[in-house]
Amino acid sequence: MKLLEDRIREDGLVLPGNVLKVNQFLNHQIDPELMYALAEEFVKLYKDEKITKILTIEASGIAPAIMTGLLLRVPVLFARKQKSSTMNEGLYTAEVYSYTKKVKNTVSVDEKFLKKEDRVLIIDDFLANGQAVQGLIEICHEAHADIVGVGIAIEKSFQEGAELIRNQGVRLESLARISSFADNKVHFVEDADNE
């Protein structure tokens, strides 16, 4: 998606440790028009899947997920990283390790919001090592819900997350696929394909 790639080039910052800082528009300050454009693209990709629920993980996946849910007219459910005092029992849970934050979280979804008849589209902001998406897949499996696919805003294709997801037979659509951060610059898979 050229619009997203251009924005990453313009406002993204490559940090040590293969980290891309996009807090200008995606995961601190949010550009609603860009999120709407991402959602339109996810809807085009998954429009025939009879989606009943969008599933994401707090916090950065919520913005693109909400916009996608709005356009598809389906509820958006997010896995919580912190256990709420109102969420004591009846939970689907998964362990998720964040390589960026170096912490392990138990993420949870209330059982009453995810049912076996649901057709779920998982949406998230980043895919690197795949741990967050893997946790959401596990939650869907616990609920016996069908996963129609995964929509990712930014994929680090040089890390193992995309392969992990695809090897499970799950459809994966990423809007911007990064091949490397060579020379502290963002290089996209599509650029390498066109050379």
Protein backbone atom coordinates (compact mmCIF):
# COMPACT_ATOMS: atom_id res chain seq x y z
CA MET A 1 0.00 0.00 0.00
CA LYS A 2 1.88 3.00 -1.32
CA LEU A 3 0.15 5.51 0.98
CA LEU A 4 1.36 3.64 4.08
CA GLU A 5 4.85 3.05 2.67
CA ASP A 6 5.19 6.75 1.88
CA ARG A 7 4.12 7.67 5.40
CA ILE A 8 6.62 5.22 6.90
CA ARG A 9 9.39 6.73 4.78
CA GLU A 10 8.35 10.26 5.73
CA ASP A 11 7.66 9.88 9.47
CA GLY A 12 9.08 6.51 10.51
CA LEU A 13 12.34 6.30 12.43
CA VAL A 14 14.60 3.23 12.44
CA LEU A 15 15.98 2.52 15.92
CA PRO A 16 18.61 0.00 17.06
CA GLY A 17 17.40 -3.58 17.40
CA ASN A 18 15.30 -3.62 14.22
CA VAL A 19 12.68 -1.33 15.76
CA LEU A 20 10.61 1.03 13.62
CA LYS A 21 9.17 3.99 15.48
CA VAL A 22 5.87 5.11 13.93
CA ASN A 23 4.42 6.98 16.89
CA GLN A 24 3.80 10.00 14.64
CA PHE A 25 0.80 8.30 12.99
CA LEU A 26 0.10 4.77 14.27
CA ASN A 27 0.91 3.88 17.83
CA HIS A 28 0.96 7.01 19.94
CA GLN A 29 -0.49 9.79 17.86
CA ILE A 30 -2.99 8.32 15.42
CA ASP A 31 -3.80 9.65 11.97
CA PRO A 32 -7.53 8.82 11.58
CA GLU A 33 -7.54 9.40 7.81
CA LEU A 34 -4.65 6.98 7.38
CA MET A 35 -6.39 4.43 9.65
CA TYR A 36 -9.52 4.79 7.50
CA ALA A 37 -7.47 4.15 4.35
CA LEU A 38 -5.91 1.04 5.95
CA ALA A 39 -9.39 -0.18 6.86
CA GLU A 40 -10.63 0.34 3.31
CA GLU A 41 -7.77 -1.84 2.09
CA PHE A 42 -8.50 -4.59 4.63
CA VAL A 43 -12.17 -4.52 3.59
CA LYS A 44 -11.20 -4.92 -0.09
CA LEU A 45 -8.99 -7.88 0.78
CA TYR A 46 -11.51 -9.68 3.02
CA LYS A 47 -14.90 -8.46 1.74
CA ASP A 48 -16.15 -11.93 0.75
CA GLU A 49 -15.29 -13.68 4.03
CA LYS A 50 -18.57 -13.09 5.92
CA ILE A 51 -16.69 -11.69 8.91
CA THR A 52 -18.66 -11.45 12.15
CA LYS A 53 -15.94 -10.15 14.48
CA ILE A 54 -12.65 -8.25 14.37
CA LEU A 55 -10.09 -9.31 16.99
CA THR A 56 -7.02 -7.30 17.97
CA ILE A 57 -4.77 -6.77 20.98
CA GLU A 58 -4.44 -3.63 23.04
CA ALA A 59 -3.36 -0.99 22.40
CA SER A 60 -1.88 -0.18 18.99
CA GLY A 61 -4.04 -2.61 17.03
CA ILE A 62 -7.24 -0.95 18.18
CA ALA A 63 -7.17 2.03 15.78
CA PRO A 64 -6.97 0.07 12.51
CA ALA A 65 -9.31 -2.59 13.94
CA ILE A 66 -11.99 -0.04 14.89
CA MET A 67 -11.97 1.53 11.44
CA THR A 68 -12.18 -1.90 9.79
CA GLY A 69 -15.04 -2.89 12.08
CA LEU A 70 -16.83 0.35 11.23
CA LEU A 71 -16.61 -0.29 7.50
CA LEU A 72 -17.60 -3.96 7.85
CA ARG A 73 -20.29 -3.11 10.42
CA VAL A 74 -19.09 -5.78 12.84
CA PRO A 75 -18.02 -5.60 16.50
CA VAL A 76 -14.36 -5.15 17.40
CA LEU A 77 -12.98 -7.19 20.28
CA PHE A 78 -9.57 -6.61 21.81
CA ALA A 79 -7.51 -8.91 23.98
CA ARG A 80 -6.57 -7.21 27.22
CA LYS A 81 -3.02 -7.28 28.53
CA GLN A 82 -4.01 -6.27 32.03
CA LYS A 83 -6.60 -8.25 33.91
CA SER A 84 -9.57 -6.10 34.84
CA SER A 85 -11.36 -6.48 38.18
CA THR A 86 -14.53 -7.13 36.18
CA MET A 87 -12.88 -9.98 34.25
CA ASN A 88 -12.42 -12.77 36.78
CA GLU A 89 -13.65 -15.91 35.09
CA GLY A 90 -14.89 -17.19 31.76
CA LEU A 91 -11.80 -16.02 29.88
CA TYR A 92 -9.88 -17.25 26.89
CA THR A 93 -6.19 -16.56 27.53
CA ALA A 94 -2.81 -16.83 25.83
CA GLU A 95 0.77 -15.98 26.77
CA VAL A 96 2.32 -13.30 24.54
CA TYR A 97 5.95 -12.19 24.67
CA SER A 98 6.76 -8.67 23.46
CA TYR A 99 10.28 -8.49 22.03
CA THR A 100 10.07 -4.70 21.85
CA LYS A 101 9.09 -4.26 25.51
CA LYS A 102 10.86 -7.44 26.75
CA VAL A 103 7.82 -8.55 28.80
CA LYS A 104 5.47 -11.51 28.79
CA ASN A 105 1.76 -10.78 29.13
CA THR A 106 -1.21 -13.03 29.60
CA VAL A 107 -3.79 -11.61 27.22
CA SER A 108 -7.44 -12.39 27.72
CA VAL A 109 -10.82 -12.16 26.04
CA ASP A 110 -14.16 -12.65 27.77
CA GLU A 111 -15.80 -15.89 26.54
CA LYS A 112 -19.15 -14.19 26.06
CA PHE A 113 -17.77 -12.07 23.20
CA LEU A 114 -16.18 -14.81 21.09
CA LYS A 115 -18.22 -17.83 20.01
CA LYS A 116 -17.65 -20.88 17.82
CA GLU A 117 -20.00 -19.48 15.16
CA ASP A 118 -17.82 -16.35 14.77
CA ARG A 119 -15.78 -15.74 11.62
CA VAL A 120 -12.86 -13.68 12.87
CA LEU A 121 -10.51 -11.27 11.14
CA ILE A 122 -7.44 -10.57 13.27
CA ILE A 123 -6.03 -7.04 12.80
CA ASP A 124 -2.80 -5.67 14.28
CA ASP A 125 -0.39 -2.81 13.68
CA PHE A 126 2.89 -4.78 13.43
CA LEU A 127 3.98 -8.31 12.65
CA ALA A 128 7.59 -9.12 13.54
CA ASN A 129 8.13 -12.31 15.52
CA GLY A 130 4.43 -13.11 15.43
CA GLN A 131 3.83 -13.58 19.13
CA ALA A 132 0.85 -11.21 19.45
CA VAL A 133 -0.92 -12.68 16.42
CA GLN A 134 -0.09 -16.21 17.61
CA GLY A 135 -1.74 -15.40 20.95
CA LEU A 136 -4.87 -14.16 19.15
CA ILE A 137 -4.92 -17.31 17.01
CA GLU A 138 -4.72 -19.43 20.17
CA ILE A 139 -7.65 -17.51 21.68
CA CYS A 140 -9.71 -18.15 18.53
CA HIS A 141 -8.83 -21.85 18.73
CA GLU A 142 -9.92 -21.93 22.40
CA ALA A 143 -13.28 -20.46 21.33
CA HIS A 144 -13.50 -22.81 18.30
CA ALA A 145 -14.05 -19.68 16.17
CA ASP A 146 -13.09 -19.65 12.48
CA ILE A 147 -10.16 -17.43 11.57
CA VAL A 148 -10.75 -15.96 8.11
CA GLY A 149 -7.38 -14.24 8.08
CA VAL A 150 -4.95 -11.79 9.58
CA GLY A 151 -4.59 -8.16 8.45
CA ILE A 152 -1.36 -6.38 9.39
CA ALA A 153 -0.49 -2.74 8.81
CA ILE A 154 3.32 -3.19 8.86
CA GLU A 155 5.10 -6.53 8.47
CA LYS A 156 8.82 -6.97 9.10
CA SER A 157 9.24 -9.67 6.46
CA PHE A 158 12.84 -10.33 7.53
CA GLN A 159 11.62 -11.70 10.87
CA GLU A 160 9.85 -15.04 11.35
CA GLY A 161 6.31 -13.88 12.20
CA ALA A 162 4.84 -14.00 8.68
CA GLU A 163 6.21 -17.50 8.08
CA LEU A 164 4.89 -18.66 11.48
CA ILE A 165 1.37 -17.50 10.59
CA ARG A 166 1.36 -18.80 7.01
CA ASN A 167 2.73 -22.20 8.10
CA GLN A 168 -0.47 -22.64 10.13
CA GLY A 169 -2.54 -22.24 6.97
CA VAL A 170 -3.82 -18.82 8.04
CA ARG A 171 -4.29 -16.21 5.30
CA LEU A 172 -2.05 -13.21 5.96
CA GLU A 173 -2.39 -9.83 4.23
CA SER A 174 0.11 -7.10 5.16
CA LEU A 175 -0.23 -3.59 3.77
CA ALA A 176 3.46 -2.63 4.04
CA ARG A 177 6.12 -5.34 3.98
CA ILE A 178 9.60 -4.32 5.11
CA SER A 179 12.53 -6.34 3.75
CA SER A 180 15.27 -4.67 5.83
CA PHE A 181 16.50 -1.65 7.74
CA ALA A 182 19.88 -1.60 5.93
CA ASP A 183 21.78 1.66 6.36
CA ASN A 184 19.12 2.77 8.90
CA LYS A 185 16.59 3.16 6.10
CA VAL A 186 13.34 1.32 5.51
CA HIS A 187 13.45 -0.99 2.49
CA PHE A 188 10.18 -2.56 1.31
CA VAL A 189 9.74 -6.01 -0.24
CA GLU A 190 7.98 -4.41 -3.21
CA ASP A 191 11.05 -2.23 -3.89
CA ALA A 192 13.30 -5.31 -4.04
CA ASP A 193 10.79 -7.08 -6.31
CA ASN A 194 10.88 -4.15 -8.76
CA GLU A 195 14.69 -4.03 -9.03
